Full PDB file with SEQRES, HELIX, SHEET, SSBOND, CRYST1, ORIGX, SCALE, CONECT and MASTER records, all heavy atoms in Angstrom:
SEQRES   1 A   38  GLY GLU MET ALA ARG LEU THR GLY LEU ASP ALA ARG GLU          
SEQRES   2 A   38  VAL GLN ARG ASP ARG ILE GLY LEU ALA ARG ARG TYR ALA          
SEQRES   3 A   38  VAL GLN HIS GLY VAL THR LEU VAL LEU LYS GLY ALA              
HELIX    1 AA1 GLU A    2  THR A    7  1                                   6    
HELIX    2 AA2 ALA A   11  ARG A   16  1                                   6    
HELIX    3 AA3 ARG A   18  HIS A   29  1                                  12    
CRYST1    1.000    1.000    1.000  90.00  90.00  90.00 P 1           1          
ORIGX1      1.000000  0.000000  0.000000        0.00000                         
ORIGX2      0.000000  1.000000  0.000000        0.00000                         
ORIGX3      0.000000  0.000000  1.000000        0.00000                         
SCALE1      1.000000  0.000000  0.000000        0.00000                         
SCALE2      0.000000  1.000000  0.000000        0.00000                         
SCALE3      0.000000  0.000000  1.000000        0.00000                         
ATOM      1  N   GLY A   1       0.813  -1.209   0.000  1.00  0.00           N  
ATOM      2  CA  GLY A   1       0.000   0.000   0.000  1.00  0.00           C  
ATOM      3  C   GLY A   1       0.844   1.256   0.000  1.00  0.00           C  
ATOM      4  O   GLY A   1       0.562   2.225  -0.717  1.00  0.00           O  
ATOM      5  N   GLU A   2       1.904   1.266   0.806  1.00  0.00           N  
ATOM      6  CA  GLU A   2       2.810   2.418   0.841  1.00  0.00           C  
ATOM      7  C   GLU A   2       3.578   2.546  -0.479  1.00  0.00           C  
ATOM      8  O   GLU A   2       3.809   3.658  -0.958  1.00  0.00           O  
ATOM      9  CB  GLU A   2       3.771   2.266   2.017  1.00  0.00           C  
ATOM     10  CG  GLU A   2       3.079   2.414   3.363  1.00  0.00           C  
ATOM     11  CD  GLU A   2       3.874   1.853   4.522  1.00  0.00           C  
ATOM     12  OE1 GLU A   2       4.815   1.068   4.297  1.00  0.00           O  
ATOM     13  OE2 GLU A   2       3.536   2.178   5.679  1.00  0.00           O  
ATOM     14  N   MET A   3       3.938   1.402  -1.061  1.00  0.00           N  
ATOM     15  CA  MET A   3       4.623   1.447  -2.356  1.00  0.00           C  
ATOM     16  C   MET A   3       3.703   2.016  -3.427  1.00  0.00           C  
ATOM     17  O   MET A   3       4.156   2.756  -4.309  1.00  0.00           O  
ATOM     18  CB  MET A   3       5.078   0.038  -2.745  1.00  0.00           C  
ATOM     19  CG  MET A   3       5.997   0.007  -3.959  1.00  0.00           C  
ATOM     20  SD  MET A   3       7.566   0.838  -3.609  1.00  0.00           S  
ATOM     21  CE  MET A   3       8.349   0.759  -5.219  1.00  0.00           C  
ATOM     22  N   ALA A   4       2.423   1.686  -3.349  1.00  0.00           N  
ATOM     23  CA  ALA A   4       1.465   2.238  -4.304  1.00  0.00           C  
ATOM     24  C   ALA A   4       1.416   3.762  -4.197  1.00  0.00           C  
ATOM     25  O   ALA A   4       1.383   4.472  -5.209  1.00  0.00           O  
ATOM     26  CB  ALA A   4       0.077   1.637  -4.059  1.00  0.00           C  
ATOM     27  N   ARG A   5       1.442   4.283  -2.977  1.00  0.00           N  
ATOM     28  CA  ARG A   5       1.412   5.730  -2.804  1.00  0.00           C  
ATOM     29  C   ARG A   5       2.712   6.375  -3.282  1.00  0.00           C  
ATOM     30  O   ARG A   5       2.701   7.477  -3.843  1.00  0.00           O  
ATOM     31  CB  ARG A   5       1.142   6.068  -1.333  1.00  0.00           C  
ATOM     32  CG  ARG A   5      -0.285   5.733  -0.903  1.00  0.00           C  
ATOM     33  CD  ARG A   5      -0.592   6.255   0.482  1.00  0.00           C  
ATOM     34  NE  ARG A   5      -0.059   5.416   1.539  1.00  0.00           N  
ATOM     35  CZ  ARG A   5      -0.651   4.333   2.026  1.00  0.00           C  
ATOM     36  NH1 ARG A   5      -1.789   3.905   1.511  1.00  0.00           N  
ATOM     37  NH2 ARG A   5      -0.107   3.634   3.012  1.00  0.00           N  
ATOM     38  N   LEU A   6       3.835   5.710  -3.076  1.00  0.00           N  
ATOM     39  CA  LEU A   6       5.118   6.257  -3.519  1.00  0.00           C  
ATOM     40  C   LEU A   6       5.221   6.324  -5.041  1.00  0.00           C  
ATOM     41  O   LEU A   6       5.892   7.198  -5.588  1.00  0.00           O  
ATOM     42  CB  LEU A   6       6.267   5.406  -2.973  1.00  0.00           C  
ATOM     43  CG  LEU A   6       6.603   5.556  -1.488  1.00  0.00           C  
ATOM     44  CD1 LEU A   6       7.561   4.458  -1.048  1.00  0.00           C  
ATOM     45  CD2 LEU A   6       7.200   6.927  -1.198  1.00  0.00           C  
ATOM     46  N   THR A   7       4.568   5.379  -5.728  1.00  0.00           N  
ATOM     47  CA  THR A   7       4.708   5.276  -7.186  1.00  0.00           C  
ATOM     48  C   THR A   7       3.514   5.799  -7.953  1.00  0.00           C  
ATOM     49  O   THR A   7       3.589   5.946  -9.187  1.00  0.00           O  
ATOM     50  CB  THR A   7       4.935   3.809  -7.573  1.00  0.00           C  
ATOM     51  OG1 THR A   7       3.824   3.015  -7.092  1.00  0.00           O  
ATOM     52  CG2 THR A   7       6.229   3.273  -6.983  1.00  0.00           C  
ATOM     53  N   GLY A   8       2.385   6.054  -7.270  1.00  0.00           N  
ATOM     54  CA  GLY A   8       1.178   6.466  -7.967  1.00  0.00           C  
ATOM     55  C   GLY A   8       0.442   5.321  -8.628  1.00  0.00           C  
ATOM     56  O   GLY A   8      -0.497   5.537  -9.402  1.00  0.00           O  
ATOM     57  N   LEU A   9       0.841   4.083  -8.328  1.00  0.00           N  
ATOM     58  CA  LEU A   9       0.155   2.906  -8.847  1.00  0.00           C  
ATOM     59  C   LEU A   9      -0.886   2.455  -7.839  1.00  0.00           C  
ATOM     60  O   LEU A   9      -0.956   2.955  -6.713  1.00  0.00           O  
ATOM     61  CB  LEU A   9       1.163   1.775  -9.087  1.00  0.00           C  
ATOM     62  CG  LEU A   9       2.335   2.090 -10.026  1.00  0.00           C  
ATOM     63  CD1 LEU A   9       3.337   0.950 -10.014  1.00  0.00           C  
ATOM     64  CD2 LEU A   9       1.835   2.340 -11.447  1.00  0.00           C  
ATOM     65  N   ASP A  10      -1.723   1.469  -8.214  1.00  0.00           N  
ATOM     66  CA  ASP A  10      -2.556   0.857  -7.198  1.00  0.00           C  
ATOM     67  C   ASP A  10      -1.861  -0.413  -6.703  1.00  0.00           C  
ATOM     68  O   ASP A  10      -0.904  -0.903  -7.320  1.00  0.00           O  
ATOM     69  CB  ASP A  10      -3.982   0.575  -7.695  1.00  0.00           C  
ATOM     70  CG  ASP A  10      -4.052  -0.448  -8.815  1.00  0.00           C  
ATOM     71  OD1 ASP A  10      -3.348  -1.476  -8.740  1.00  0.00           O  
ATOM     72  OD2 ASP A  10      -4.831  -0.233  -9.765  1.00  0.00           O  
ATOM     73  N   ALA A  11      -2.315  -0.927  -5.568  1.00  0.00           N  
ATOM     74  CA  ALA A  11      -1.624  -2.039  -4.920  1.00  0.00           C  
ATOM     75  C   ALA A  11      -1.571  -3.271  -5.809  1.00  0.00           C  
ATOM     76  O   ALA A  11      -0.591  -4.034  -5.777  1.00  0.00           O  
ATOM     77  CB  ALA A  11      -2.285  -2.365  -3.585  1.00  0.00           C  
ATOM     78  N   ARG A  12      -2.592  -3.491  -6.618  1.00  0.00           N  
ATOM     79  CA  ARG A  12      -2.583  -4.654  -7.506  1.00  0.00           C  
ATOM     80  C   ARG A  12      -1.473  -4.541  -8.543  1.00  0.00           C  
ATOM     81  O   ARG A  12      -0.824  -5.540  -8.879  1.00  0.00           O  
ATOM     82  CB  ARG A  12      -3.936  -4.803  -8.195  1.00  0.00           C  
ATOM     83  CG  ARG A  12      -5.037  -5.336  -7.275  1.00  0.00           C  
ATOM     84  CD  ARG A  12      -6.370  -5.332  -7.976  1.00  0.00           C  
ATOM     85  NE  ARG A  12      -6.785  -3.969  -8.337  1.00  0.00           N  
ATOM     86  CZ  ARG A  12      -7.915  -3.669  -8.954  1.00  0.00           C  
ATOM     87  NH1 ARG A  12      -8.747  -4.635  -9.318  1.00  0.00           N  
ATOM     88  NH2 ARG A  12      -8.222  -2.414  -9.229  1.00  0.00           N  
ATOM     89  N   GLU A  13      -1.243  -3.337  -9.049  1.00  0.00           N  
ATOM     90  CA  GLU A  13      -0.150  -3.149 -10.006  1.00  0.00           C  
ATOM     91  C   GLU A  13       1.206  -3.364  -9.334  1.00  0.00           C  
ATOM     92  O   GLU A  13       2.128  -3.918  -9.939  1.00  0.00           O  
ATOM     93  CB  GLU A  13      -0.221  -1.745 -10.602  1.00  0.00           C  
ATOM     94  CG  GLU A  13      -1.391  -1.515 -11.538  1.00  0.00           C  
ATOM     95  CD  GLU A  13      -1.446  -0.075 -12.013  1.00  0.00           C  
ATOM     96  OE1 GLU A  13      -1.747   0.818 -11.195  1.00  0.00           O  
ATOM     97  OE2 GLU A  13      -1.188   0.151 -13.206  1.00  0.00           O  
ATOM     98  N   VAL A  14       1.327  -2.932  -8.092  1.00  0.00           N  
ATOM     99  CA  VAL A  14       2.564  -3.146  -7.347  1.00  0.00           C  
ATOM    100  C   VAL A  14       2.851  -4.636  -7.223  1.00  0.00           C  
ATOM    101  O   VAL A  14       3.979  -5.103  -7.428  1.00  0.00           O  
ATOM    102  CB  VAL A  14       2.472  -2.501  -5.947  1.00  0.00           C  
ATOM    103  CG1 VAL A  14       3.627  -2.962  -5.052  1.00  0.00           C  
ATOM    104  CG2 VAL A  14       2.470  -0.983  -6.062  1.00  0.00           C  
ATOM    105  N   GLN A  15       1.824  -5.413  -6.907  1.00  0.00           N  
ATOM    106  CA  GLN A  15       1.996  -6.844  -6.676  1.00  0.00           C  
ATOM    107  C   GLN A  15       2.208  -7.624  -7.973  1.00  0.00           C  
ATOM    108  O   GLN A  15       2.685  -8.758  -7.934  1.00  0.00           O  
ATOM    109  CB  GLN A  15       0.785  -7.399  -5.926  1.00  0.00           C  
ATOM    110  CG  GLN A  15       0.604  -6.843  -4.522  1.00  0.00           C  
ATOM    111  CD  GLN A  15       1.702  -7.306  -3.578  1.00  0.00           C  
ATOM    112  OE1 GLN A  15       2.819  -6.789  -3.592  1.00  0.00           O  
ATOM    113  NE2 GLN A  15       1.394  -8.301  -2.770  1.00  0.00           N  
ATOM    114  N   ARG A  16       1.858  -7.035  -9.100  1.00  0.00           N  
ATOM    115  CA  ARG A  16       1.928  -7.760 -10.369  1.00  0.00           C  
ATOM    116  C   ARG A  16       3.368  -8.099 -10.760  1.00  0.00           C  
ATOM    117  O   ARG A  16       3.627  -9.143 -11.347  1.00  0.00           O  
ATOM    118  CB  ARG A  16       1.263  -6.931 -11.470  1.00  0.00           C  
ATOM    119  CG  ARG A  16       1.094  -7.680 -12.798  1.00  0.00           C  
ATOM    120  CD  ARG A  16       0.202  -6.922 -13.738  1.00  0.00           C  
ATOM    121  NE  ARG A  16      -1.173  -6.899 -13.238  1.00  0.00           N  
ATOM    122  CZ  ARG A  16      -1.938  -5.811 -13.164  1.00  0.00           C  
ATOM    123  NH1 ARG A  16      -1.454  -4.643 -13.550  1.00  0.00           N  
ATOM    124  NH2 ARG A  16      -3.166  -5.886 -12.703  1.00  0.00           N  
ATOM    125  N   ASP A  17       4.313  -7.214 -10.446  1.00  0.00           N  
ATOM    126  CA  ASP A  17       5.719  -7.473 -10.772  1.00  0.00           C  
ATOM    127  C   ASP A  17       6.579  -6.843  -9.698  1.00  0.00           C  
ATOM    128  O   ASP A  17       7.217  -5.810  -9.897  1.00  0.00           O  
ATOM    129  CB  ASP A  17       6.069  -6.915 -12.153  1.00  0.00           C  
ATOM    130  CG  ASP A  17       7.517  -7.208 -12.559  1.00  0.00           C  
ATOM    131  OD1 ASP A  17       8.173  -8.012 -11.877  1.00  0.00           O  
ATOM    132  OD2 ASP A  17       7.977  -6.620 -13.556  1.00  0.00           O  
ATOM    133  N   ARG A  18       6.615  -7.475  -8.531  1.00  0.00           N  
ATOM    134  CA  ARG A  18       7.295  -6.901  -7.376  1.00  0.00           C  
ATOM    135  C   ARG A  18       8.799  -6.760  -7.622  1.00  0.00           C  
ATOM    136  O   ARG A  18       9.416  -5.749  -7.267  1.00  0.00           O  
ATOM    137  CB  ARG A  18       7.042  -7.780  -6.149  1.00  0.00           C  
ATOM    138  CG  ARG A  18       5.629  -7.688  -5.617  1.00  0.00           C  
ATOM    139  CD  ARG A  18       5.288  -8.840  -4.655  1.00  0.00           C  
ATOM    140  NE  ARG A  18       6.246  -8.990  -3.590  1.00  0.00           N  
ATOM    141  CZ  ARG A  18       6.231  -8.296  -2.449  1.00  0.00           C  
ATOM    142  NH1 ARG A  18       5.289  -7.380  -2.254  1.00  0.00           N  
ATOM    143  NH2 ARG A  18       7.137  -8.513  -1.510  1.00  0.00           N  
ATOM    144  N   ILE A  19       9.392  -7.766  -8.235  1.00  0.00           N  
ATOM    145  CA  ILE A  19      10.840  -7.730  -8.460  1.00  0.00           C  
ATOM    146  C   ILE A  19      11.206  -6.620  -9.438  1.00  0.00           C  
ATOM    147  O   ILE A  19      12.107  -5.811  -9.177  1.00  0.00           O  
ATOM    148  CB  ILE A  19      11.330  -9.099  -8.960  1.00  0.00           C  
ATOM    149  CG1 ILE A  19      11.197 -10.141  -7.840  1.00  0.00           C  
ATOM    150  CG2 ILE A  19      12.776  -9.014  -9.449  1.00  0.00           C  
ATOM    151  CD1 ILE A  19      11.497 -11.559  -8.272  1.00  0.00           C  
ATOM    152  N   GLY A  20      10.504  -6.560 -10.564  1.00  0.00           N  
ATOM    153  CA  GLY A  20      10.807  -5.540 -11.561  1.00  0.00           C  
ATOM    154  C   GLY A  20      10.565  -4.138 -11.050  1.00  0.00           C  
ATOM    155  O   GLY A  20      11.383  -3.231 -11.277  1.00  0.00           O  
ATOM    156  N   LEU A  21       9.467  -3.929 -10.340  1.00  0.00           N  
ATOM    157  CA  LEU A  21       9.146  -2.600  -9.821  1.00  0.00           C  
ATOM    158  C   LEU A  21      10.160  -2.162  -8.778  1.00  0.00           C  
ATOM    159  O   LEU A  21      10.633  -1.013  -8.792  1.00  0.00           O  
ATOM    160  CB  LEU A  21       7.735  -2.602  -9.225  1.00  0.00           C  
ATOM    161  CG  LEU A  21       7.276  -1.281  -8.599  1.00  0.00           C  
ATOM    162  CD1 LEU A  21       7.216  -0.174  -9.642  1.00  0.00           C  
ATOM    163  CD2 LEU A  21       5.908  -1.457  -7.925  1.00  0.00           C  
ATOM    164  N   ALA A  22      10.510  -3.046  -7.856  1.00  0.00           N  
ATOM    165  CA  ALA A  22      11.469  -2.702  -6.806  1.00  0.00           C  
ATOM    166  C   ALA A  22      12.809  -2.327  -7.412  1.00  0.00           C  
ATOM    167  O   ALA A  22      13.448  -1.347  -7.008  1.00  0.00           O  
ATOM    168  CB  ALA A  22      11.623  -3.868  -5.833  1.00  0.00           C  
ATOM    169  N   ARG A  23      13.258  -3.102  -8.411  1.00  0.00           N  
ATOM    170  CA  ARG A  23      14.547  -2.805  -9.046  1.00  0.00           C  
ATOM    171  C   ARG A  23      14.512  -1.444  -9.744  1.00  0.00           C  
ATOM    172  O   ARG A  23      15.436  -0.635  -9.588  1.00  0.00           O  
ATOM    173  CB  ARG A  23      14.903  -3.912 -10.034  1.00  0.00           C  
ATOM    174  CG  ARG A  23      16.168  -3.607 -10.835  1.00  0.00           C  
ATOM    175  CD  ARG A  23      16.483  -4.700 -11.830  1.00  0.00           C  
ATOM    176  NE  ARG A  23      17.188  -5.803 -11.211  1.00  0.00           N  
ATOM    177  CZ  ARG A  23      16.832  -7.071 -11.288  1.00  0.00           C  
ATOM    178  NH1 ARG A  23      15.730  -7.417 -11.950  1.00  0.00           N  
ATOM    179  NH2 ARG A  23      17.549  -8.006 -10.705  1.00  0.00           N  
ATOM    180  N   ARG A  24      13.463  -1.196 -10.509  1.00  0.00           N  
ATOM    181  CA  ARG A  24      13.388   0.081 -11.233  1.00  0.00           C  
ATOM    182  C   ARG A  24      13.378   1.257 -10.273  1.00  0.00           C  
ATOM    183  O   ARG A  24      14.057   2.276 -10.506  1.00  0.00           O  
ATOM    184  CB  ARG A  24      12.139   0.106 -12.125  1.00  0.00           C  
ATOM    185  CG  ARG A  24      12.203  -0.838 -13.317  1.00  0.00           C  
ATOM    186  CD  ARG A  24      11.061  -0.588 -14.273  1.00  0.00           C  
ATOM    187  NE  ARG A  24       9.744  -0.856 -13.691  1.00  0.00           N  
ATOM    188  CZ  ARG A  24       9.150  -2.043 -13.680  1.00  0.00           C  
ATOM    189  NH1 ARG A  24       9.763  -3.108 -14.205  1.00  0.00           N  
ATOM    190  NH2 ARG A  24       7.948  -2.185 -13.157  1.00  0.00           N  
ATOM    191  N   TYR A  25      12.629   1.149  -9.190  1.00  0.00           N  
ATOM    192  CA  TYR A  25      12.523   2.260  -8.236  1.00  0.00           C  
ATOM    193  C   TYR A  25      13.865   2.514  -7.558  1.00  0.00           C  
ATOM    194  O   TYR A  25      14.309   3.663  -7.419  1.00  0.00           O  
ATOM    195  CB  TYR A  25      11.445   1.949  -7.193  1.00  0.00           C  
ATOM    196  CG  TYR A  25      11.075   3.127  -6.333  1.00  0.00           C  
ATOM    197  CD1 TYR A  25      10.023   3.953  -6.687  1.00  0.00           C  
ATOM    198  CD2 TYR A  25      11.779   3.412  -5.172  1.00  0.00           C  
ATOM    199  CE1 TYR A  25       9.680   5.047  -5.896  1.00  0.00           C  
ATOM    200  CE2 TYR A  25      11.451   4.502  -4.382  1.00  0.00           C  
ATOM    201  CZ  TYR A  25      10.395   5.310  -4.747  1.00  0.00           C  
ATOM    202  OH  TYR A  25      10.067   6.391  -3.964  1.00  0.00           O  
ATOM    203  N   ALA A  26      14.533   1.442  -7.120  1.00  0.00           N  
ATOM    204  CA  ALA A  26      15.808   1.593  -6.415  1.00  0.00           C  
ATOM    205  C   ALA A  26      16.868   2.214  -7.308  1.00  0.00           C  
ATOM    206  O   ALA A  26      17.618   3.110  -6.889  1.00  0.00           O  
ATOM    207  CB  ALA A  26      16.269   0.231  -5.897  1.00  0.00           C  
ATOM    208  N   VAL A  27      16.945   1.751  -8.546  1.00  0.00           N  
ATOM    209  CA  VAL A  27      17.945   2.276  -9.480  1.00  0.00           C  
ATOM    210  C   VAL A  27      17.645   3.736  -9.835  1.00  0.00           C  
ATOM    211  O   VAL A  27      18.540   4.588  -9.850  1.00  0.00           O  
ATOM    212  CB  VAL A  27      18.002   1.404 -10.751  1.00  0.00           C  
ATOM    213  CG1 VAL A  27      18.870   2.054 -11.811  1.00  0.00           C  
ATOM    214  CG2 VAL A  27      18.518   0.009 -10.419  1.00  0.00           C  
ATOM    215  N   GLN A  28      16.381   4.025 -10.097  1.00  0.00           N  
ATOM    216  CA  GLN A  28      16.005   5.380 -10.512  1.00  0.00           C  
ATOM    217  C   GLN A  28      16.277   6.410  -9.429  1.00  0.00           C  
ATOM    218  O   GLN A  28      16.730   7.526  -9.715  1.00  0.00           O  
ATOM    219  CB  GLN A  28      14.522   5.416 -10.894  1.00  0.00           C  
ATOM    220  CG  GLN A  28      14.030   6.798 -11.311  1.00  0.00           C  
ATOM    221  CD  GLN A  28      12.545   6.811 -11.640  1.00  0.00           C  
ATOM    222  OE1 GLN A  28      11.900   5.755 -11.719  1.00  0.00           O  
ATOM    223  NE2 GLN A  28      11.990   7.988 -11.837  1.00  0.00           N  
ATOM    224  N   HIS A  29      16.020   6.043  -8.173  1.00  0.00           N  
ATOM    225  CA  HIS A  29      16.088   7.028  -7.096  1.00  0.00           C  
ATOM    226  C   HIS A  29      17.339   6.894  -6.232  1.00  0.00           C  
ATOM    227  O   HIS A  29      17.509   7.679  -5.282  1.00  0.00           O  
ATOM    228  CB  HIS A  29      14.838   6.928  -6.224  1.00  0.00           C  
ATOM    229  CG  HIS A  29      13.575   7.246  -6.965  1.00  0.00           C  
ATOM    230  ND1 HIS A  29      13.296   8.496  -7.456  1.00  0.00           N  
ATOM    231  CD2 HIS A  29      12.520   6.469  -7.324  1.00  0.00           C  
ATOM    232  CE1 HIS A  29      12.126   8.490  -8.071  1.00  0.00           C  
ATOM    233  NE2 HIS A  29      11.640   7.272  -8.012  1.00  0.00           N  
ATOM    234  N   GLY A  30      18.196   5.924  -6.524  1.00  0.00           N  
ATOM    235  CA  GLY A  30      19.432   5.793  -5.771  1.00  0.00           C  
ATOM    236  C   GLY A  30      19.229   5.398  -4.324  1.00  0.00           C  
ATOM    237  O   GLY A  30      19.982   5.834  -3.441  1.00  0.00           O  
ATOM    238  N   VAL A  31      18.203   4.581  -4.052  1.00  0.00           N  
ATOM    239  CA  VAL A  31      17.911   4.133  -2.698  1.00  0.00           C  
ATOM    240  C   VAL A  31      17.908   2.605  -2.665  1.00  0.00           C  
ATOM    241  O   VAL A  31      17.842   1.940  -3.699  1.00  0.00           O  
ATOM    242  CB  VAL A  31      16.547   4.653  -2.204  1.00  0.00           C  
ATOM    243  CG1 VAL A  31      16.531   6.168  -2.179  1.00  0.00           C  
ATOM    244  CG2 VAL A  31      15.395   4.105  -3.055  1.00  0.00           C  
ATOM    245  N   THR A  32      17.972   2.070  -1.469  1.00  0.00           N  
ATOM    246  CA  THR A  32      17.716   0.644  -1.272  1.00  0.00           C  
ATOM    247  C   THR A  32      16.252   0.503  -0.886  1.00  0.00           C  
ATOM    248  O   THR A  32      15.778   1.188   0.029  1.00  0.00           O  
ATOM    249  CB  THR A  32      18.623   0.065  -0.177  1.00  0.00           C  
ATOM    250  OG1 THR A  32      19.986   0.179  -0.600  1.00  0.00           O  
ATOM    251  CG2 THR A  32      18.300  -1.395   0.083  1.00  0.00           C  
ATOM    252  N   LEU A  33      15.538  -0.363  -1.592  1.00  0.00           N  
ATOM    253  CA  LEU A  33      14.106  -0.511  -1.377  1.00  0.00           C  
ATOM    254  C   LEU A  33      13.809  -1.898  -0.838  1.00  0.00           C  
ATOM    255  O   LEU A  33      14.239  -2.903  -1.416  1.00  0.00           O  
ATOM    256  CB  LEU A  33      13.330  -0.296  -2.674  1.00  0.00           C  
ATOM    257  CG  LEU A  33      11.811  -0.324  -2.462  1.00  0.00           C  
ATOM    258  CD1 LEU A  33      11.310   1.054  -2.065  1.00  0.00           C  
ATOM    259  CD2 LEU A  33      11.078  -0.825  -3.680  1.00  0.00           C  
ATOM    260  N   VAL A  34      13.053  -1.952   0.258  1.00  0.00           N  
ATOM    261  CA  VAL A  34      12.577  -3.217   0.824  1.00  0.00           C  
ATOM    262  C   VAL A  34      11.072  -3.253   0.631  1.00  0.00           C  
ATOM    263  O   VAL A  34      10.324  -2.573   1.345  1.00  0.00           O  
ATOM    264  CB  VAL A  34      12.943  -3.322   2.319  1.00  0.00           C  
ATOM    265  CG1 VAL A  34      12.357  -4.606   2.922  1.00  0.00           C  
ATOM    266  CG2 VAL A  34      14.453  -3.279   2.511  1.00  0.00           C  
ATOM    267  N   LEU A  35      10.614  -4.010  -0.366  1.00  0.00           N  
ATOM    268  CA  LEU A  35       9.180  -4.147  -0.639  1.00  0.00           C  
ATOM    269  C   LEU A  35       8.671  -5.337   0.153  1.00  0.00           C  
ATOM    270  O   LEU A  35       8.910  -6.497  -0.203  1.00  0.00           O  
ATOM    271  CB  LEU A  35       8.937  -4.319  -2.142  1.00  0.00           C  
ATOM    272  CG  LEU A  35       7.477  -4.462  -2.588  1.00  0.00           C  
ATOM    273  CD1 LEU A  35       6.611  -3.323  -2.051  1.00  0.00           C  
ATOM    274  CD2 LEU A  35       7.399  -4.527  -4.102  1.00  0.00           C  
ATOM    275  N   LYS A  36       7.975  -5.042   1.244  1.00  0.00           N  
ATOM    276  CA  LYS A  36       7.598  -6.070   2.208  1.00  0.00           C  
ATOM    277  C   LYS A  36       6.442  -6.926   1.701  1.00  0.00           C  
ATOM    278  O   LYS A  36       5.757  -6.585   0.754  1.00  0.00           O  
ATOM    279  CB  LYS A  36       7.248  -5.411   3.544  1.00  0.00           C  
ATOM    280  CG  LYS A  36       8.432  -4.700   4.179  1.00  0.00           C  
ATOM    281  CD  LYS A  36       8.138  -4.128   5.541  1.00  0.00           C  
ATOM    282  CE  LYS A  36       7.219  -2.936   5.516  1.00  0.00           C  
ATOM    283  NZ  LYS A  36       7.199  -2.183   6.786  1.00  0.00           N  
ATOM    284  N   GLY A  37       6.227  -8.033   2.397  1.00  0.00           N  
ATOM    285  CA  GLY A  37       5.174  -8.970   2.036  1.00  0.00           C  
ATOM    286  C   GLY A  37       5.736 -10.374   2.000  1.00  0.00           C  
ATOM    287  O   GLY A  37       6.900 -10.617   2.336  1.00  0.00           O  
ATOM    288  N   ALA A  38       4.905 -11.336   1.612  1.00  0.00           N  
ATOM    289  CA  ALA A  38       5.403 -12.699   1.445  1.00  0.00           C  
ATOM    290  C   ALA A  38       6.515 -12.688   0.410  1.00  0.00           C  
ATOM    291  O   ALA A  38       6.347 -12.126  -0.666  1.00  0.00           O  
ATOM    292  CB  ALA A  38       4.271 -13.625   1.007  1.00  0.00           C  
TER     293      ALA A  38                                                      
MASTER        0    0    0    3    0    0    0    6  292    1    0    3          
END                                                                             
């Protein structure tokens, strides 16, 4: 839910490709991202 707010996506879109989204966000913004969940 927090990732959805950070990216402007909805939670279902976040969950659709967690690995790809996390990588793109971390590289783009120069941060380490921990996308929680199972």
